[in-house]
Protein backbone atom coordinates (compact mmCIF):
# COMPACT_ATOMS: atom_id res chain seq x y z
CA UNK A 1 47.89 -66.96 25.76
CA UNK A 2 49.46 -67.95 22.43
CA UNK A 3 50.09 -71.64 21.89
CA UNK A 4 52.82 -72.72 19.50
CA UNK A 5 54.09 -76.26 18.89
CA UNK A 6 57.39 -76.91 17.11
CA UNK A 7 57.38 -80.13 15.08
CA UNK A 8 60.93 -79.49 13.86
CA UNK A 9 63.70 -76.86 13.82
CA UNK A 10 63.36 -76.13 17.54
CA UNK A 11 66.97 -77.10 18.22
CA UNK A 12 68.30 -77.67 14.70
CA UNK A 13 68.32 -76.16 11.24
CA UNK A 14 66.24 -78.65 9.25
CA UNK A 15 62.71 -80.04 9.46
CA UNK A 16 60.94 -76.70 9.92
CA UNK A 17 57.33 -77.19 10.95
CA UNK A 18 55.46 -74.97 13.41
CA UNK A 19 51.85 -75.26 14.53
CA UNK A 20 50.20 -72.05 15.70
CA UNK A 21 46.88 -72.36 17.51
CA UNK A 22 44.50 -69.58 16.51
CA UNK A 23 42.00 -70.60 19.21
CA UNK A 24 41.03 -73.81 21.01
CA UNK A 25 39.72 -75.46 17.83
CA UNK A 26 41.76 -74.06 14.93
CA UNK A 27 45.44 -74.06 14.06
CA UNK A 28 47.73 -73.53 11.09
CA UNK A 29 51.05 -75.06 10.11
CA UNK A 30 53.91 -72.87 8.97
CA UNK A 31 56.13 -75.07 6.77
CA UNK A 32 56.44 -78.85 6.75
CA UNK A 33 60.04 -79.70 5.94
CA UNK A 34 62.33 -82.72 5.88
CA UNK A 35 64.97 -83.44 8.49
CA UNK A 36 68.52 -83.74 7.17
CA UNK A 37 71.95 -84.71 8.49
CA UNK A 38 72.27 -84.90 12.26
CA UNK A 39 68.67 -83.71 12.73
CA UNK A 40 67.50 -86.80 10.85
CA UNK A 41 69.89 -89.16 12.65
CA UNK A 42 68.46 -88.08 16.02
CA UNK A 43 64.97 -89.17 15.03
CA UNK A 44 63.54 -92.67 15.17
CA UNK A 45 63.22 -94.55 11.82
CA UNK A 46 60.18 -93.42 9.87
CA UNK A 47 59.80 -90.15 11.73
CA UNK A 48 59.57 -88.21 8.48
CA UNK A 49 55.93 -89.22 8.85
CA UNK A 50 53.42 -86.87 10.43
CA UNK A 51 53.31 -87.76 14.13
CA UNK A 52 50.88 -85.09 15.29
CA UNK A 53 47.11 -84.62 15.13
CA UNK A 54 45.86 -82.83 11.99
CA UNK A 55 42.20 -82.60 12.97
CA UNK A 56 42.45 -78.92 13.96
CA UNK A 57 44.86 -77.83 11.21
CA UNK A 58 43.05 -75.41 8.89
CA UNK A 59 45.88 -74.57 6.47
CA UNK A 60 49.55 -74.94 5.67
CA UNK A 61 51.52 -71.77 5.00
CA UNK A 62 54.77 -72.29 3.08
CA UNK A 63 57.50 -69.70 3.61
CA UNK A 64 59.65 -70.95 0.70
CA UNK A 65 60.52 -73.98 -1.41
CA UNK A 66 63.66 -75.40 0.17
CA UNK A 67 63.26 -79.09 0.97
CA UNK A 68 63.82 -78.58 4.72
CA UNK A 69 60.65 -76.44 4.64
CA UNK A 70 58.44 -78.41 2.22
CA UNK A 71 59.83 -81.96 2.10
CA UNK A 72 57.27 -83.49 4.48
CA UNK A 73 54.31 -82.25 2.43
CA UNK A 74 53.94 -85.67 0.72
CA UNK A 75 53.65 -87.26 4.18
CA UNK A 76 51.19 -84.53 5.18
CA UNK A 77 48.93 -85.36 2.24
CA UNK A 78 49.30 -89.08 2.87
CA UNK A 79 48.09 -88.43 6.44
CA UNK A 80 44.89 -86.95 4.98
CA UNK A 81 45.51 -83.20 4.97
CA UNK A 82 43.31 -81.58 2.32
CA UNK A 83 43.35 -77.97 3.45
CA UNK A 84 44.74 -75.07 1.43
CA UNK A 85 48.47 -74.61 0.98
CA UNK A 86 49.09 -70.87 1.10
CA UNK A 87 52.27 -69.37 -0.34
CA UNK A 88 53.56 -66.60 -2.58
CA UNK A 89 52.89 -66.58 -6.31
CA UNK A 90 56.49 -67.56 -7.11
CA UNK A 91 56.50 -70.37 -4.53
CA UNK A 92 53.29 -71.78 -6.02
CA UNK A 93 55.08 -71.84 -9.37
CA UNK A 94 58.22 -73.52 -8.00
CA UNK A 95 56.84 -75.90 -5.36
CA UNK A 96 55.52 -78.61 -7.74
CA UNK A 97 58.91 -78.68 -9.51
CA UNK A 98 60.78 -79.22 -6.25
CA UNK A 99 58.37 -81.81 -4.89
CA UNK A 100 58.25 -83.74 -8.17
CA UNK A 101 62.00 -84.23 -7.91
CA UNK A 102 61.76 -85.17 -4.21
CA UNK A 103 58.98 -87.70 -4.87
CA UNK A 104 60.95 -89.39 -7.64
CA UNK A 105 64.01 -89.65 -5.40
CA UNK A 106 62.32 -90.64 -2.16
CA UNK A 107 58.95 -92.21 -2.98
CA UNK A 108 58.27 -93.54 -6.46
CA UNK A 109 59.13 -93.11 -10.12
CA UNK A 110 55.72 -94.43 -11.20
CA UNK A 111 54.56 -91.67 -13.57
CA UNK A 112 50.88 -92.23 -12.79
CA UNK A 113 51.40 -91.92 -9.05
CA UNK A 114 53.68 -88.88 -9.44
CA UNK A 115 51.16 -87.14 -11.70
CA UNK A 116 48.32 -87.91 -9.30
CA UNK A 117 50.28 -86.47 -6.39
CA UNK A 118 51.22 -83.30 -8.28
CA UNK A 119 47.61 -82.84 -9.36
CA UNK A 120 46.56 -83.07 -5.70
CA UNK A 121 49.23 -80.54 -4.70
CA UNK A 122 48.16 -78.07 -7.38
CA UNK A 123 44.51 -78.40 -6.35
CA UNK A 124 45.41 -77.33 -2.79
CA UNK A 125 47.81 -74.51 -3.67
CA UNK A 126 46.45 -71.00 -3.08
CA UNK A 127 48.95 -68.35 -4.27
CA UNK A 128 48.85 -65.07 -2.37
CA UNK A 129 50.09 -61.65 -3.43
CA UNK A 130 52.64 -59.95 -1.22
CA UNK A 131 51.56 -57.10 1.07
CA UNK A 132 47.83 -57.95 1.07
CA UNK A 133 45.83 -59.40 3.96
CA UNK A 134 44.01 -62.65 3.20
CA UNK A 135 41.42 -64.42 5.32
CA UNK A 136 42.42 -67.78 6.74
CA UNK A 137 40.05 -70.70 5.94
CA UNK A 138 38.14 -70.04 9.15
CA UNK A 139 37.98 -66.23 8.68
CA UNK A 140 36.75 -65.52 12.17
CA UNK A 141 40.03 -66.73 13.57
CA UNK A 142 42.58 -64.72 11.65
CA UNK A 143 44.19 -63.16 8.61
CA UNK A 144 47.56 -63.75 6.94
CA UNK A 145 49.88 -61.47 5.00
CA UNK A 146 53.14 -62.31 3.20
CA UNK A 147 56.17 -60.07 2.73
CA UNK A 148 59.38 -60.73 0.72
CA UNK A 149 62.07 -62.45 2.81
CA UNK A 150 65.01 -62.10 0.38
CA UNK A 151 66.10 -65.73 0.86
CA UNK A 152 65.20 -67.34 -2.48
CA UNK A 153 62.70 -66.37 -5.16
CA UNK A 154 59.22 -66.42 -3.60
CA UNK A 155 60.45 -66.65 -0.01
CA UNK A 156 58.11 -65.01 2.48
CA UNK A 157 57.82 -63.55 5.93
CA UNK A 158 54.44 -64.60 7.36
CA UNK A 159 52.28 -62.24 9.43
CA UNK A 160 49.26 -63.70 11.23
CA UNK A 161 46.69 -61.32 12.73
CA UNK A 162 44.26 -62.74 15.30
CA UNK A 163 40.84 -61.32 16.21
CA UNK A 164 42.19 -60.37 19.66
CA UNK A 165 44.60 -57.97 17.89
CA UNK A 166 47.62 -60.17 18.56
CA UNK A 167 50.16 -60.23 15.71
CA UNK A 168 52.49 -63.24 15.24
CA UNK A 169 55.28 -63.05 12.68
CA UNK A 170 57.30 -65.97 11.30
CA UNK A 171 60.48 -64.78 9.63
CA UNK A 172 60.89 -67.96 7.60
CA UNK A 173 64.45 -68.05 6.31
CA UNK A 174 65.70 -64.49 5.93
CA UNK A 175 68.13 -63.59 3.18
CA UNK A 176 71.12 -61.32 3.50
CA UNK A 177 70.80 -57.66 2.66
CA UNK A 178 72.30 -56.71 -0.72
CA UNK A 179 71.90 -60.23 -2.11
CA UNK A 180 72.10 -60.61 -5.92
CA UNK A 181 68.81 -60.99 -7.80
CA UNK A 182 66.45 -60.50 -4.85
CA UNK A 183 65.04 -57.49 -2.98
CA UNK A 184 66.07 -57.11 0.67
CA UNK A 185 63.94 -58.63 3.46
CA UNK A 186 60.87 -56.49 4.09
CA UNK A 187 60.34 -56.33 7.85
CA UNK A 188 56.79 -55.93 9.20
CA UNK A 189 55.85 -52.95 11.30
CA UNK A 190 55.15 -54.80 14.54
CA UNK A 191 54.71 -58.15 16.24
CA UNK A 192 53.61 -59.42 19.61
CA UNK A 193 55.64 -62.56 18.92
CA UNK A 194 58.41 -62.76 16.32
CA UNK A 195 59.46 -66.34 15.52
CA UNK A 196 62.92 -65.70 14.13
CA UNK A 197 65.39 -68.00 12.37
CA UNK A 198 68.92 -68.17 13.79
CA UNK A 199 70.91 -70.35 11.38
CA UNK A 200 73.88 -67.97 11.49
CA UNK A 201 72.85 -66.20 14.67
CA UNK A 202 76.38 -66.33 16.07
CA UNK A 203 78.30 -65.43 12.89
CA UNK A 204 79.07 -62.64 10.45
CA UNK A 205 79.42 -63.32 6.73
CA UNK A 206 82.02 -61.97 4.35
CA UNK A 207 80.89 -58.94 2.41
CA UNK A 208 79.74 -59.46 -1.16
CA UNK A 209 82.86 -57.83 -2.66
CA UNK A 210 85.14 -60.04 -0.55
CA UNK A 211 83.42 -63.27 -1.50
CA UNK A 212 83.42 -62.34 -5.20
CA UNK A 213 87.15 -61.65 -5.04
CA UNK A 214 87.80 -64.99 -3.32
CA UNK A 215 85.68 -66.81 -5.88
CA UNK A 216 87.63 -65.12 -8.68
CA UNK A 217 90.93 -66.24 -7.14
CA UNK A 218 89.73 -69.84 -6.90
CA UNK A 219 88.55 -69.81 -10.51
CA UNK A 220 91.89 -68.40 -11.64
CA UNK A 221 93.61 -71.20 -9.72
CA UNK A 222 91.44 -73.69 -11.61
CA UNK A 223 92.64 -72.21 -14.88
CA UNK A 224 96.31 -72.23 -13.85
CA UNK A 225 96.20 -75.79 -12.48
CA UNK A 226 94.07 -77.07 -15.35
CA UNK A 227 91.83 -78.70 -12.78
CA UNK A 228 88.13 -78.64 -11.89
CA UNK A 229 86.32 -76.45 -9.38
CA UNK A 230 83.39 -78.35 -7.84
CA UNK A 231 80.66 -76.27 -6.20
CA UNK A 232 77.94 -78.23 -4.37
CA UNK A 233 74.86 -76.01 -4.52
CA UNK A 234 71.16 -76.20 -3.83
CA UNK A 235 69.17 -76.33 -7.05
CA UNK A 236 67.00 -73.41 -6.02
CA UNK A 237 68.51 -70.12 -4.91
CA UNK A 238 72.22 -70.84 -4.56
CA UNK A 239 72.78 -72.06 -8.12
CA UNK A 240 71.12 -68.98 -9.58
CA UNK A 241 73.03 -66.62 -7.28
CA UNK A 242 76.33 -68.26 -8.26
CA UNK A 243 75.54 -67.93 -11.95
CA UNK A 244 74.70 -64.27 -11.43
CA UNK A 245 78.04 -63.60 -9.69
CA UNK A 246 80.07 -65.66 -12.18
CA UNK A 247 78.51 -63.76 -15.09
CA UNK A 248 79.53 -60.53 -13.37
CA UNK A 249 83.11 -61.79 -12.92
CA UNK A 250 83.32 -62.81 -16.56
CA UNK A 251 81.88 -59.47 -17.67
CA UNK A 252 84.64 -57.62 -15.80
CA UNK A 253 87.66 -59.72 -16.80
CA UNK A 254 89.33 -56.83 -18.64
CA UNK A 255 90.57 -58.89 -21.54
CA UNK A 256 91.43 -62.14 -19.72
CA UNK A 257 90.30 -64.32 -22.61
CA UNK A 258 91.65 -67.54 -21.10
CA UNK A 259 89.34 -67.25 -18.10
CA UNK A 260 86.46 -66.25 -20.34
CA UNK A 261 86.76 -69.58 -22.18
CA UNK A 262 86.49 -71.81 -19.10
CA UNK A 263 83.17 -73.70 -19.30
CA UNK A 264 80.66 -73.06 -16.52
CA UNK A 265 78.71 -76.29 -16.12
CA UNK A 266 75.40 -76.73 -14.30
CA UNK A 267 74.89 -80.46 -13.85
CA UNK A 268 71.48 -80.77 -12.25
CA UNK A 269 68.24 -81.24 -14.21
CA UNK A 270 66.27 -79.67 -11.37
CA UNK A 271 68.60 -76.66 -11.15
CA UNK A 272 68.21 -76.17 -14.90
CA UNK A 273 64.41 -76.16 -14.56
CA UNK A 274 64.58 -73.74 -11.62
CA UNK A 275 66.95 -71.42 -13.49
CA UNK A 276 64.50 -71.33 -16.39
CA UNK A 277 61.75 -70.46 -13.89
CA UNK A 278 63.90 -67.67 -12.42
CA UNK A 279 64.31 -66.20 -15.90
CA UNK A 280 60.55 -66.37 -16.44
CA UNK A 281 59.97 -64.53 -13.14
CA UNK A 282 62.28 -61.60 -13.86
CA UNK A 283 59.65 -59.14 -12.65
CA UNK A 284 60.49 -60.33 -9.10
CA UNK A 285 64.22 -59.59 -9.45
CA UNK A 286 65.74 -56.54 -7.75
CA UNK A 287 66.59 -53.29 -9.56
CA UNK A 288 70.24 -54.19 -10.11
CA UNK A 289 69.38 -57.46 -11.84
CA UNK A 290 66.64 -55.91 -13.98
CA UNK A 291 69.06 -53.16 -15.03
CA UNK A 292 71.48 -55.79 -16.34
CA UNK A 293 68.71 -57.28 -18.45
CA UNK A 294 67.88 -53.85 -19.87
CA UNK A 295 71.60 -53.45 -20.70
CA UNK A 296 71.45 -56.62 -22.81
CA UNK A 297 73.25 -58.77 -20.26
CA UNK A 298 71.88 -62.17 -19.32
CA UNK A 299 73.00 -63.12 -15.79
CA UNK A 300 71.47 -66.60 -15.91
CA UNK A 301 72.03 -67.40 -19.58
CA UNK A 302 75.50 -66.30 -20.75
CA UNK A 303 78.20 -67.57 -23.12
CA UNK A 304 80.10 -70.69 -21.99
CA UNK A 305 77.28 -71.71 -19.66
CA UNK A 306 76.61 -75.40 -20.28
CA UNK A 307 73.65 -77.31 -18.87
CA UNK A 308 73.90 -81.08 -18.48
CA UNK A 309 70.61 -82.94 -18.65
CA UNK A 310 70.55 -86.72 -19.03
CA UNK A 311 72.58 -89.26 -17.09
CA UNK A 312 74.52 -90.35 -20.18
CA UNK A 313 75.67 -86.79 -20.82
CA UNK A 314 76.61 -86.49 -17.14
CA UNK A 315 78.69 -89.69 -17.24
CA UNK A 316 80.45 -88.66 -20.47
CA UNK A 317 81.43 -85.32 -18.96
CA UNK A 318 82.61 -86.95 -15.74
CA UNK A 319 84.83 -89.40 -17.66
CA UNK A 320 86.25 -86.59 -19.76
CA UNK A 321 87.12 -84.42 -16.77
CA UNK A 322 88.85 -87.36 -15.08
CA UNK A 323 91.27 -88.02 -17.92
CA UNK A 324 91.73 -84.59 -19.52
CA UNK A 325 93.61 -81.53 -18.37
CA UNK A 326 90.75 -79.21 -19.24
CA UNK A 327 89.78 -76.65 -16.59
CA UNK A 328 86.08 -76.44 -15.77
CA UNK A 329 83.74 -75.07 -13.14
CA UNK A 330 80.96 -77.49 -12.15
CA UNK A 331 77.91 -76.53 -10.09
CA UNK A 332 75.92 -79.59 -9.03
CA UNK A 333 73.39 -80.70 -6.43
CA UNK A 334 72.99 -81.55 -3.68
CA UNK A 335 74.18 -78.59 -1.68
CA UNK A 336 75.22 -80.69 1.34
CA UNK A 337 76.65 -83.53 -0.80
CA UNK A 338 74.02 -85.86 0.68
CA UNK A 339 73.06 -87.22 -2.74
CA UNK A 340 72.73 -86.20 -6.36
CA UNK A 341 75.35 -85.84 -9.07
CA UNK A 342 77.86 -83.94 -6.93
CA UNK A 343 78.61 -87.26 -5.19
CA UNK A 344 79.81 -88.77 -8.48
CA UNK A 345 82.08 -85.79 -9.08
CA UNK A 346 83.52 -86.05 -5.59
CA UNK A 347 84.28 -89.76 -5.95
CA UNK A 348 85.99 -89.15 -9.28
CA UNK A 349 87.81 -85.87 -8.69
CA UNK A 350 88.41 -85.42 -4.94
CA UNK A 351 91.57 -87.59 -5.14
CA UNK A 352 93.07 -85.14 -7.70
CA UNK A 353 95.12 -82.33 -6.05
CA UNK A 354 94.20 -80.03 -8.96
CA UNK A 355 90.56 -80.10 -7.83
CA UNK A 356 89.05 -77.31 -5.75
CA UNK A 357 85.87 -78.00 -3.72
CA UNK A 358 84.06 -74.80 -2.82
CA UNK A 359 81.31 -74.76 -0.19
CA UNK A 360 78.98 -71.80 -0.51
CA UNK A 361 76.16 -72.77 1.84
CA UNK A 362 75.25 -74.28 5.18
CA UNK A 363 76.48 -77.84 5.74
CA UNK A 364 74.41 -79.60 8.38
CA UNK A 365 76.11 -81.74 11.02
CA UNK A 366 76.23 -85.37 9.91
CA UNK A 367 76.36 -84.63 6.15
CA UNK A 368 79.20 -85.47 3.79
CA UNK A 369 79.49 -81.76 3.05
CA UNK A 370 80.21 -80.98 6.71
CA UNK A 371 82.82 -83.77 6.92
CA UNK A 372 84.62 -82.50 3.83
CA UNK A 373 84.35 -78.89 4.96
CA UNK A 374 86.13 -79.72 8.21
CA UNK A 375 89.13 -81.38 6.54
CA UNK A 376 92.41 -79.52 6.98
CA UNK A 377 94.74 -82.07 5.36
CA UNK A 378 94.53 -84.86 2.76
CA UNK A 379 92.80 -87.86 4.27
CA UNK A 380 90.43 -90.72 3.45
CA UNK A 381 86.68 -90.10 3.58
CA UNK A 382 83.82 -92.47 2.85
CA UNK A 383 81.84 -91.15 -0.13
CA UNK A 384 78.76 -93.13 -1.16
CA UNK A 385 80.06 -96.13 0.77
CA UNK A 386 83.41 -95.98 -1.00
CA UNK A 387 86.66 -95.03 0.83
CA UNK A 388 88.04 -92.06 -1.11
CA UNK A 389 91.35 -90.28 -0.69
CA UNK A 390 90.67 -86.52 -0.67
CA UNK A 391 93.61 -84.55 -2.07
CA UNK A 392 91.49 -81.65 -3.34
CA UNK A 393 91.71 -78.18 -1.83
CA UNK A 394 88.69 -77.33 0.33
CA UNK A 395 87.30 -73.77 0.45
CA UNK A 396 84.36 -72.19 2.27
CA UNK A 397 82.90 -68.88 1.11
CA UNK A 398 80.53 -67.91 3.92
CA UNK A 399 79.30 -64.79 2.16
CA UNK A 400 77.27 -66.87 -0.29
CA UNK A 401 74.90 -68.10 2.37
CA UNK A 402 71.27 -67.38 1.60
CA UNK A 403 70.72 -66.95 5.35
CA UNK A 404 71.07 -63.65 7.14
CA UNK A 405 74.01 -63.46 9.54
CA UNK A 406 73.90 -61.95 13.03
CA UNK A 407 74.24 -58.30 11.89
CA UNK A 408 71.49 -58.79 9.30
CA UNK A 409 69.18 -60.46 11.82
CA UNK A 410 69.70 -57.56 14.23
CA UNK A 411 69.07 -55.13 11.37
CA UNK A 412 65.83 -56.93 10.53
CA UNK A 413 64.51 -56.53 14.09
CA UNK A 414 65.72 -52.92 14.27
CA UNK A 415 63.89 -52.05 11.05
CA UNK A 416 60.50 -52.88 12.59
CA UNK A 417 58.70 -49.63 13.41
CA UNK A 418 57.47 -51.04 16.73
CA UNK A 419 59.77 -53.55 18.44
CA UNK A 420 58.32 -57.02 19.02
CA UNK A 421 57.28 -57.81 22.58
CA UNK A 422 58.82 -61.28 22.40
CA UNK A 423 61.25 -63.02 20.05
CA UNK A 424 61.47 -66.79 19.89
CA UNK A 425 64.54 -68.20 18.16
CA UNK A 426 64.19 -71.31 15.99
CA UNK A 427 65.97 -72.88 13.01
CA UNK A 428 69.44 -72.83 14.53
CA UNK A 429 71.74 -74.93 16.66
CA UNK A 430 71.62 -74.25 20.42
CA UNK A 431 74.96 -72.42 20.09
CA UNK A 432 73.67 -70.21 17.27
CA UNK A 433 70.44 -69.46 19.16
CA UNK A 434 72.35 -68.54 22.30
CA UNK A 435 74.76 -66.29 20.39
CA UNK A 436 71.91 -64.41 18.73
CA UNK A 437 69.91 -64.23 21.97
CA UNK A 438 72.80 -62.56 23.78
CA UNK A 439 73.20 -60.01 20.99
CA UNK A 440 69.45 -59.31 20.88
CA UNK A 441 69.33 -58.77 24.65
CA UNK A 442 72.24 -56.30 24.48
CA UNK A 443 70.77 -54.43 21.52
CA UNK A 444 67.10 -54.46 22.58
CA UNK A 445 67.05 -54.73 26.40
CA UNK A 446 63.26 -54.33 26.56
CA UNK A 447 62.46 -57.34 24.38
CA UNK A 448 61.88 -60.80 25.85
CA UNK A 449 64.00 -63.41 24.03
CA UNK A 450 63.20 -67.14 24.12
CA UNK A 451 65.28 -70.02 22.78
CA UNK A 452 63.23 -72.86 21.34
CA UNK A 453 66.25 -75.14 21.80
CA UNK A 454 66.24 -74.74 25.59
CA UNK A 455 62.44 -74.77 25.87
CA UNK A 456 62.08 -78.09 24.05
CA UNK A 457 60.98 -81.07 26.08
CA UNK A 458 62.81 -83.26 23.53
CA UNK A 459 65.56 -82.36 21.07
CA UNK A 460 63.33 -82.68 18.02
CA UNK A 461 59.94 -81.51 19.24
CA UNK A 462 58.77 -78.77 21.57
CA UNK A 463 55.33 -77.77 22.81
CA UNK A 464 55.60 -74.33 24.30
CA UNK A 465 53.45 -71.29 24.89
CA UNK A 466 54.07 -67.56 25.06
CA UNK A 467 52.08 -64.87 26.77
């Protein structure tokens, strides 16, 4: 009997944390992420803290470096966890950057304390190569292997092999097939239990060509209206993918010099650091992206790309955009508008009808991003505690999601040489889990499908087992 506890993302999209028991005395954690939006509102105050026993936890395995998968690591260390943190080579490179930013925003700006924490993190990190089996800290109880997940740079599918020959696979967050920059998800051969994300389990995304065309039309509208296009984007993954696609649009303008002169502004110090890291890790890019480099194109470092660093520079740009009639495209964090510099842009520019706000990623229930996304007419919205009249045009480009949609999730399962005996759906709303479950049952009638959302004894935490 396999025993698996969900300490988050059983019936929601954020707070991923899953405890797999290898035997009666040993377990591992897969991810330890923050709750956001509605998932956070449903929890009691202070429940970011670790509220489960760590005495049997041998290791933490990180699938990737999004904050809803790593944001509770500071709490984990504060609770006394000193085991290894296993992840891909790229994730080991990126994780301290992401957590440094999170610590400064949510814990302390004391440089000594931040440095001490990062030193502790680095001492526990154990980078693993893809496609190779590695012994878990208690080697008699299992092995682990990582495979590329295609979600963001360094994202991983986690395979755990137990001495009894059972194979458990955690998909982590799966990327779409044919995503810019990254290789496609690399499905394992087999699994007794596949723990599968379902963020967009009941949806289909736009195709890449369609989303690029829509983005081009919005950018042309920005030029014609002499307004600003605001794109809330996660600092890691989405920002780099957007830059890649914008560079491609600019490269194929066929003489449209006016569009070529519009500044592309990245206003996020963290996103700038991550983009630099992406450029340094070009060997992990897919063939298409590496070919562009060999053709003397620079998808993440092109003409008219401007990076804003300090707060003073940010404020000067914001003031200028408010009073001028200069078109610009601004990419800023956070991706769900729950904080960061995008909030300042929204307060200043959302009342201007020349502004376009473009959502290119998942907006969790309860976030400002979701509230704005659902607007269908000018209205007043509270932004950072300030009532703000929103006259801007709102757009959603679903094809830019870093999450696989229903067809891609089905394709992932179908590409396994031996179908899994059981699939448990996590990391999705109950509606998304149910939609994917129904499709899986129709497509693979011999596979048992479980919904973590319906198995949970409470909406935020489930303790379930699978034979």
